[in-house]
Amino acid sequence: KDSTIVGNGGCNRFFGRCIVKPGNRITCSNIASTMMSCGNDAIERDYLKTIEMADNYTLRGDTLSLNK
């Protein structure tokens, strides 16, 4: 309801805003995370950037896919 997104990127917790729009459109922004060093920092950074790049989504069963 409040457009908040929270999750775990494999090491760090992340949070930000995602606005769901008609037609399976989505806009995510202000994604930030805790800053623990875990050895795969570049992979996690890319993962969070990918969330912000998504502009639409599909939902099949219990699987959510973010798409560009």
PDB file of N, CA and C in Angstrom:
ATOM      1  N   LYS A   1       0.813  -1.209   0.000  1.00  0.00           N
ATOM      2  CA  LYS A   1       0.000   0.000   0.000  1.00  0.00           C
ATOM      3  C   LYS A   1       0.850   1.264   0.000  1.00  0.00           C
ATOM      4  N   ASP A   2       1.963   1.268   0.741  1.00  0.00           N
ATOM      5  CA  ASP A   2       2.760   2.496   0.842  1.00  0.00           C
ATOM      6  C   ASP A   2       3.915   2.524  -0.154  1.00  0.00           C
ATOM      7  N   SER A   3       3.947   1.585  -1.120  1.00  0.00           N
ATOM      8  CA  SER A   3       4.949   1.546  -2.191  1.00  0.00           C
ATOM      9  C   SER A   3       6.347   1.177  -1.707  1.00  0.00           C
ATOM     10  N   THR A   4       6.475   0.653  -0.511  1.00  0.00           N
ATOM     11  CA  THR A   4       7.783   0.294   0.020  1.00  0.00           C
ATOM     12  C   THR A   4       8.195  -1.086  -0.473  1.00  0.00           C
ATOM     13  N   ILE A   5       9.474  -1.209  -0.854  1.00  0.00           N
ATOM     14  CA  ILE A   5      10.049  -2.499  -1.201  1.00  0.00           C
ATOM     15  C   ILE A   5      11.167  -2.784  -0.204  1.00  0.00           C
ATOM     16  N   VAL A   6      11.199  -3.993   0.300  1.00  0.00           N
ATOM     17  CA  VAL A   6      12.277  -4.441   1.191  1.00  0.00           C
ATOM     18  C   VAL A   6      12.664  -5.853   0.780  1.00  0.00           C
ATOM     19  N   GLY A   7      13.916  -6.206   1.011  1.00  0.00           N
ATOM     20  CA  GLY A   7      14.350  -7.551   0.678  1.00  0.00           C
ATOM     21  C   GLY A   7      15.779  -7.784   1.084  1.00  0.00           C
ATOM     22  N   ASN A   8      16.308  -8.898   0.602  1.00  0.00           N
ATOM     23  CA  ASN A   8      17.679  -9.271   0.878  1.00  0.00           C
ATOM     24  C   ASN A   8      18.348  -9.583  -0.449  1.00  0.00           C
ATOM     25  N   GLY A   9      19.479  -8.938  -0.714  1.00  0.00           N
ATOM     26  CA  GLY A   9      20.201  -9.119  -1.960  1.00  0.00           C
ATOM     27  C   GLY A   9      21.211 -10.248  -1.912  1.00  0.00           C
ATOM     28  N   GLY A  10      21.157 -11.098  -0.926  1.00  0.00           N
ATOM     29  CA  GLY A  10      22.099 -12.198  -0.783  1.00  0.00           C
ATOM     30  C   GLY A  10      23.031 -11.987   0.395  1.00  0.00           C
ATOM     31  N   CYS A  11      23.293 -10.735   0.703  1.00  0.00           N
ATOM     32  CA  CYS A  11      24.140 -10.393   1.844  1.00  0.00           C
ATOM     33  C   CYS A  11      23.499  -9.254   2.631  1.00  0.00           C
ATOM     34  N   ASN A  12      23.150  -8.196   1.925  1.00  0.00           N
ATOM     35  CA  ASN A  12      22.622  -6.992   2.553  1.00  0.00           C
ATOM     36  C   ASN A  12      21.105  -6.896   2.412  1.00  0.00           C
ATOM     37  N   ARG A  13      20.509  -6.267   3.387  1.00  0.00           N
ATOM     38  CA  ARG A  13      19.090  -5.918   3.277  1.00  0.00           C
ATOM     39  C   ARG A  13      18.981  -4.689   2.395  1.00  0.00           C
ATOM     40  N   PHE A  14      17.928  -4.623   1.569  1.00  0.00           N
ATOM     41  CA  PHE A  14      17.708  -3.432   0.753  1.00  0.00           C
ATOM     42  C   PHE A  14      16.301  -2.914   0.963  1.00  0.00           C
ATOM     43  N   PHE A  15      16.098  -1.679   0.561  1.00  0.00           N
ATOM     44  CA  PHE A  15      14.814  -1.015   0.742  1.00  0.00           C
ATOM     45  C   PHE A  15      14.705   0.104  -0.275  1.00  0.00           C
ATOM     46  N   GLY A  16      13.494   0.523  -0.550  1.00  0.00           N
ATOM     47  CA  GLY A  16      13.261   1.609  -1.496  1.00  0.00           C
ATOM     48  C   GLY A  16      11.782   1.734  -1.788  1.00  0.00           C
ATOM     49  N   ARG A  17      11.465   2.294  -2.948  1.00  0.00           N
ATOM     50  CA  ARG A  17      10.086   2.536  -3.359  1.00  0.00           C
ATOM     51  C   ARG A  17       9.818   1.882  -4.707  1.00  0.00           C
ATOM     52  N   CYS A  18       8.673   1.253  -4.837  1.00  0.00           N
ATOM     53  CA  CYS A  18       8.197   0.742  -6.122  1.00  0.00           C
ATOM     54  C   CYS A  18       6.736   1.134  -6.276  1.00  0.00           C
ATOM     55  N   ILE A  19       6.440   1.750  -7.388  1.00  0.00           N
ATOM     56  CA  ILE A  19       5.070   2.142  -7.675  1.00  0.00           C
ATOM     57  C   ILE A  19       4.548   1.239  -8.781  1.00  0.00           C
ATOM     58  N   VAL A  20       3.470   0.522  -8.493  1.00  0.00           N
ATOM     59  CA  VAL A  20       2.831  -0.352  -9.467  1.00  0.00           C
ATOM     60  C   VAL A  20       1.776   0.460 -10.203  1.00  0.00           C
ATOM     61  N   LYS A  21       1.817   0.372 -11.542  1.00  0.00           N
ATOM     62  CA  LYS A  21       0.922   1.162 -12.394  1.00  0.00           C
ATOM     63  C   LYS A  21       0.064   0.213 -13.231  1.00  0.00           C
ATOM     64  N   PRO A  22      -0.993   0.731 -13.828  1.00  0.00           N
ATOM     65  CA  PRO A  22      -1.835  -0.112 -14.687  1.00  0.00           C
ATOM     66  C   PRO A  22      -1.022  -0.728 -15.831  1.00  0.00           C
ATOM     67  N   GLY A  23      -1.466  -1.878 -16.299  1.00  0.00           N
ATOM     68  CA  GLY A  23      -0.821  -2.533 -17.414  1.00  0.00           C
ATOM     69  C   GLY A  23       0.474  -3.222 -17.052  1.00  0.00           C
ATOM     70  N   ASN A  24       0.570  -3.691 -15.806  1.00  0.00           N
ATOM     71  CA  ASN A  24       1.771  -4.381 -15.315  1.00  0.00           C
ATOM     72  C   ASN A  24       3.026  -3.526 -15.416  1.00  0.00           C
ATOM     73  N   ARG A  25       2.883  -2.227 -15.288  1.00  0.00           N
ATOM     74  CA  ARG A  25       4.020  -1.311 -15.292  1.00  0.00           C
ATOM     75  C   ARG A  25       4.478  -1.107 -13.854  1.00  0.00           C
ATOM     76  N   ILE A  26       5.777  -0.838 -13.697  1.00  0.00           N
ATOM     77  CA  ILE A  26       6.336  -0.629 -12.356  1.00  0.00           C
ATOM     78  C   ILE A  26       7.509   0.351 -12.446  1.00  0.00           C
ATOM     79  N   THR A  27       7.639   1.178 -11.436  1.00  0.00           N
ATOM     80  CA  THR A  27       8.767   2.096 -11.322  1.00  0.00           C
ATOM     81  C   THR A  27       9.348   1.958  -9.922  1.00  0.00           C
ATOM     82  N   CYS A  28      10.628   1.569  -9.847  1.00  0.00           N
ATOM     83  CA  CYS A  28      11.303   1.443  -8.562  1.00  0.00           C
ATOM     84  C   CYS A  28      12.413   2.490  -8.477  1.00  0.00           C
ATOM     85  N   SER A  29      12.555   3.097  -7.311  1.00  0.00           N
ATOM     86  CA  SER A  29      13.562   4.149  -7.142  1.00  0.00           C
ATOM     87  C   SER A  29      14.044   4.192  -5.708  1.00  0.00           C
ATOM     88  N   ASN A  30      15.108   4.953  -5.518  1.00  0.00           N
ATOM     89  CA  ASN A  30      15.682   5.148  -4.184  1.00  0.00           C
ATOM     90  C   ASN A  30      16.031   3.828  -3.505  1.00  0.00           C
ATOM     91  N   ILE A  31      16.522   2.866  -4.291  1.00  0.00           N
ATOM     92  CA  ILE A  31      16.926   1.591  -3.725  1.00  0.00           C
ATOM     93  C   ILE A  31      18.261   1.792  -3.001  1.00  0.00           C
ATOM     94  N   ALA A  32      18.295   1.428  -1.751  1.00  0.00           N
ATOM     95  CA  ALA A  32      19.504   1.539  -0.930  1.00  0.00           C
ATOM     96  C   ALA A  32      19.654   0.237  -0.147  1.00  0.00           C
ATOM     97  N   SER A  33      20.832   0.034   0.412  1.00  0.00           N
ATOM     98  CA  SER A  33      21.039  -1.200   1.170  1.00  0.00           C
ATOM     99  C   SER A  33      22.000  -0.959   2.317  1.00  0.00           C
ATOM    100  N   THR A  34      22.014  -1.942   3.220  1.00  0.00           N
ATOM    101  CA  THR A  34      23.037  -1.933   4.251  1.00  0.00           C
ATOM    102  C   THR A  34      24.375  -2.157   3.554  1.00  0.00           C
ATOM    103  N   MET A  35      25.475  -1.973   4.245  1.00  0.00           N
ATOM    104  CA  MET A  35      26.783  -1.955   3.585  1.00  0.00           C
ATOM    105  C   MET A  35      27.752  -3.010   4.122  1.00  0.00           C
ATOM    106  N   MET A  36      27.256  -4.204   4.431  1.00  0.00           N
ATOM    107  CA  MET A  36      28.152  -5.271   4.872  1.00  0.00           C
ATOM    108  C   MET A  36      28.956  -5.777   3.680  1.00  0.00           C
ATOM    109  N   SER A  37      30.205  -6.094   3.886  1.00  0.00           N
ATOM    110  CA  SER A  37      31.050  -6.640   2.822  1.00  0.00           C
ATOM    111  C   SER A  37      30.945  -8.155   2.863  1.00  0.00           C
ATOM    112  N   CYS A  38      30.586  -8.741   1.712  1.00  0.00           N
ATOM    113  CA  CYS A  38      30.329 -10.183   1.696  1.00  0.00           C
ATOM    114  C   CYS A  38      31.074 -10.924   0.597  1.00  0.00           C
ATOM    115  N   GLY A  39      31.918 -10.260  -0.159  1.00  0.00           N
ATOM    116  CA  GLY A  39      32.673 -10.939  -1.192  1.00  0.00           C
ATOM    117  C   GLY A  39      32.058 -10.884  -2.573  1.00  0.00           C
ATOM    118  N   ASN A  40      30.752 -10.724  -2.674  1.00  0.00           N
ATOM    119  CA  ASN A  40      30.075 -10.622  -3.964  1.00  0.00           C
ATOM    120  C   ASN A  40      29.410  -9.255  -4.103  1.00  0.00           C
ATOM    121  N   ASP A  41      30.087  -8.216  -3.647  1.00  0.00           N
ATOM    122  CA  ASP A  41      29.489  -6.886  -3.621  1.00  0.00           C
ATOM    123  C   ASP A  41      29.071  -6.406  -5.004  1.00  0.00           C
ATOM    124  N   ALA A  42      29.857  -6.672  -6.047  1.00  0.00           N
ATOM    125  CA  ALA A  42      29.534  -6.208  -7.403  1.00  0.00           C
ATOM    126  C   ALA A  42      28.263  -6.877  -7.910  1.00  0.00           C
ATOM    127  N   ILE A  43      28.091  -8.140  -7.613  1.00  0.00           N
ATOM    128  CA  ILE A  43      26.883  -8.858  -8.049  1.00  0.00           C
ATOM    129  C   ILE A  43      25.657  -8.263  -7.382  1.00  0.00           C
ATOM    130  N   GLU A  44      25.750  -7.985  -6.108  1.00  0.00           N
ATOM    131  CA  GLU A  44      24.616  -7.413  -5.388  1.00  0.00           C
ATOM    132  C   GLU A  44      24.299  -6.006  -5.886  1.00  0.00           C
ATOM    133  N   ARG A  45      25.322  -5.203  -6.143  1.00  0.00           N
ATOM    134  CA  ARG A  45      25.089  -3.852  -6.691  1.00  0.00           C
ATOM    135  C   ARG A  45      24.375  -3.938  -8.036  1.00  0.00           C
ATOM    136  N   ASP A  46      24.802  -4.848  -8.893  1.00  0.00           N
ATOM    137  CA  ASP A  46      24.148  -5.026 -10.200  1.00  0.00           C
ATOM    138  C   ASP A  46      22.701  -5.464 -10.029  1.00  0.00           C
ATOM    139  N   TYR A  47      22.453  -6.336  -9.073  1.00  0.00           N
ATOM    140  CA  TYR A  47      21.095  -6.798  -8.784  1.00  0.00           C
ATOM    141  C   TYR A  47      20.188  -5.624  -8.401  1.00  0.00           C
ATOM    142  N   LEU A  48      20.672  -4.755  -7.534  1.00  0.00           N
ATOM    143  CA  LEU A  48      19.874  -3.610  -7.104  1.00  0.00           C
ATOM    144  C   LEU A  48      19.668  -2.618  -8.241  1.00  0.00           C
ATOM    145  N   LYS A  49      20.663  -2.421  -9.091  1.00  0.00           N
ATOM    146  CA  LYS A  49      20.510  -1.556 -10.265  1.00  0.00           C
ATOM    147  C   LYS A  49      19.456  -2.120 -11.204  1.00  0.00           C
ATOM    148  N   THR A  50      19.428  -3.437 -11.339  1.00  0.00           N
ATOM    149  CA  THR A  50      18.451  -4.085 -12.210  1.00  0.00           C
ATOM    150  C   THR A  50      17.034  -3.837 -11.719  1.00  0.00           C
ATOM    151  N   ILE A  51      16.824  -3.874 -10.408  1.00  0.00           N
ATOM    152  CA  ILE A  51      15.499  -3.578  -9.856  1.00  0.00           C
ATOM    153  C   ILE A  51      15.071  -2.175 -10.277  1.00  0.00           C
ATOM    154  N   GLU A  52      15.975  -1.204 -10.187  1.00  0.00           N
ATOM    155  CA  GLU A  52      15.626   0.175 -10.546  1.00  0.00           C
ATOM    156  C   GLU A  52      15.392   0.342 -12.047  1.00  0.00           C
ATOM    157  N   MET A  53      15.993  -0.494 -12.882  1.00  0.00           N
ATOM    158  CA  MET A  53      15.817  -0.383 -14.332  1.00  0.00           C
ATOM    159  C   MET A  53      14.497  -0.980 -14.817  1.00  0.00           C
ATOM    160  N   ALA A  54      13.897  -1.869 -14.044  1.00  0.00           N
ATOM    161  CA  ALA A  54      12.664  -2.539 -14.469  1.00  0.00           C
ATOM    162  C   ALA A  54      11.565  -1.522 -14.737  1.00  0.00           C
ATOM    163  N   ASP A  55      10.806  -1.751 -15.819  1.00  0.00           N
ATOM    164  CA  ASP A  55       9.676  -0.870 -16.107  1.00  0.00           C
ATOM    165  C   ASP A  55       8.361  -1.637 -16.256  1.00  0.00           C
ATOM    166  N   ASN A  56       8.433  -2.976 -16.160  1.00  0.00           N
ATOM    167  CA  ASN A  56       7.204  -3.775 -16.172  1.00  0.00           C
ATOM    168  C   ASN A  56       7.477  -5.090 -15.450  1.00  0.00           C
ATOM    169  N   TYR A  57       6.415  -5.820 -15.171  1.00  0.00           N
ATOM    170  CA  TYR A  57       6.560  -7.070 -14.438  1.00  0.00           C
ATOM    171  C   TYR A  57       5.575  -8.112 -14.957  1.00  0.00           C
ATOM    172  N   THR A  58       5.893  -9.375 -14.695  1.00  0.00           N
ATOM    173  CA  THR A  58       4.955 -10.471 -14.932  1.00  0.00           C
ATOM    174  C   THR A  58       4.872 -11.285 -13.651  1.00  0.00           C
ATOM    175  N   LEU A  59       3.720 -11.827 -13.409  1.00  0.00           N
ATOM    176  CA  LEU A  59       3.490 -12.666 -12.237  1.00  0.00           C
ATOM    177  C   LEU A  59       2.859 -13.962 -12.725  1.00  0.00           C
ATOM    178  N   ARG A  60       3.580 -15.064 -12.536  1.00  0.00           N
ATOM    179  CA  ARG A  60       3.094 -16.390 -12.918  1.00  0.00           C
ATOM    180  C   ARG A  60       3.172 -17.278 -11.678  1.00  0.00           C
ATOM    181  N   GLY A  61       2.005 -17.621 -11.177  1.00  0.00           N
ATOM    182  CA  GLY A  61       1.970 -18.398  -9.932  1.00  0.00           C
ATOM    183  C   GLY A  61       2.590 -17.590  -8.810  1.00  0.00           C
ATOM    184  N   ASP A  62       3.625 -18.117  -8.189  1.00  0.00           N
ATOM    185  CA  ASP A  62       4.288 -17.386  -7.103  1.00  0.00           C
ATOM    186  C   ASP A  62       5.617 -16.804  -7.540  1.00  0.00           C
ATOM    187  N   THR A  63       5.819 -16.645  -8.885  1.00  0.00           N
ATOM    188  CA  THR A  63       7.063 -16.105  -9.403  1.00  0.00           C
ATOM    189  C   THR A  63       6.841 -14.720  -9.990  1.00  0.00           C
ATOM    190  N   LEU A  64       7.545 -13.731  -9.433  1.00  0.00           N
ATOM    191  CA  LEU A  64       7.508 -12.360  -9.920  1.00  0.00           C
ATOM    192  C   LEU A  64       8.748 -12.126 -10.762  1.00  0.00           C
ATOM    193  N   SER A  65       8.567 -11.647 -11.991  1.00  0.00           N
ATOM    194  CA  SER A  65       9.683 -11.298 -12.867  1.00  0.00           C
ATOM    195  C   SER A  65       9.643  -9.815 -13.143  1.00  0.00           C
ATOM    196  N   LEU A  66      10.766  -9.130 -12.932  1.00  0.00           N
ATOM    197  CA  LEU A  66      10.897  -7.722 -13.277  1.00  0.00           C
ATOM    198  C   LEU A  66      11.558  -7.654 -14.646  1.00  0.00           C
ATOM    199  N   ASN A  67      10.996  -6.853 -15.539  1.00  0.00           N
ATOM    200  CA  ASN A  67      11.431  -6.820 -16.935  1.00  0.00           C
ATOM    201  C   ASN A  67      11.746  -5.396 -17.370  1.00  0.00           C
ATOM    202  N   LYS A  68      12.505  -5.294 -18.433  1.00  0.00           N
ATOM    203  CA  LYS A  68      12.803  -4.006 -19.072  1.00  0.00           C
ATOM    204  C   LYS A  68      12.428  -4.125 -20.515  1.00  0.00           C
TER     205      LYS A  68
END
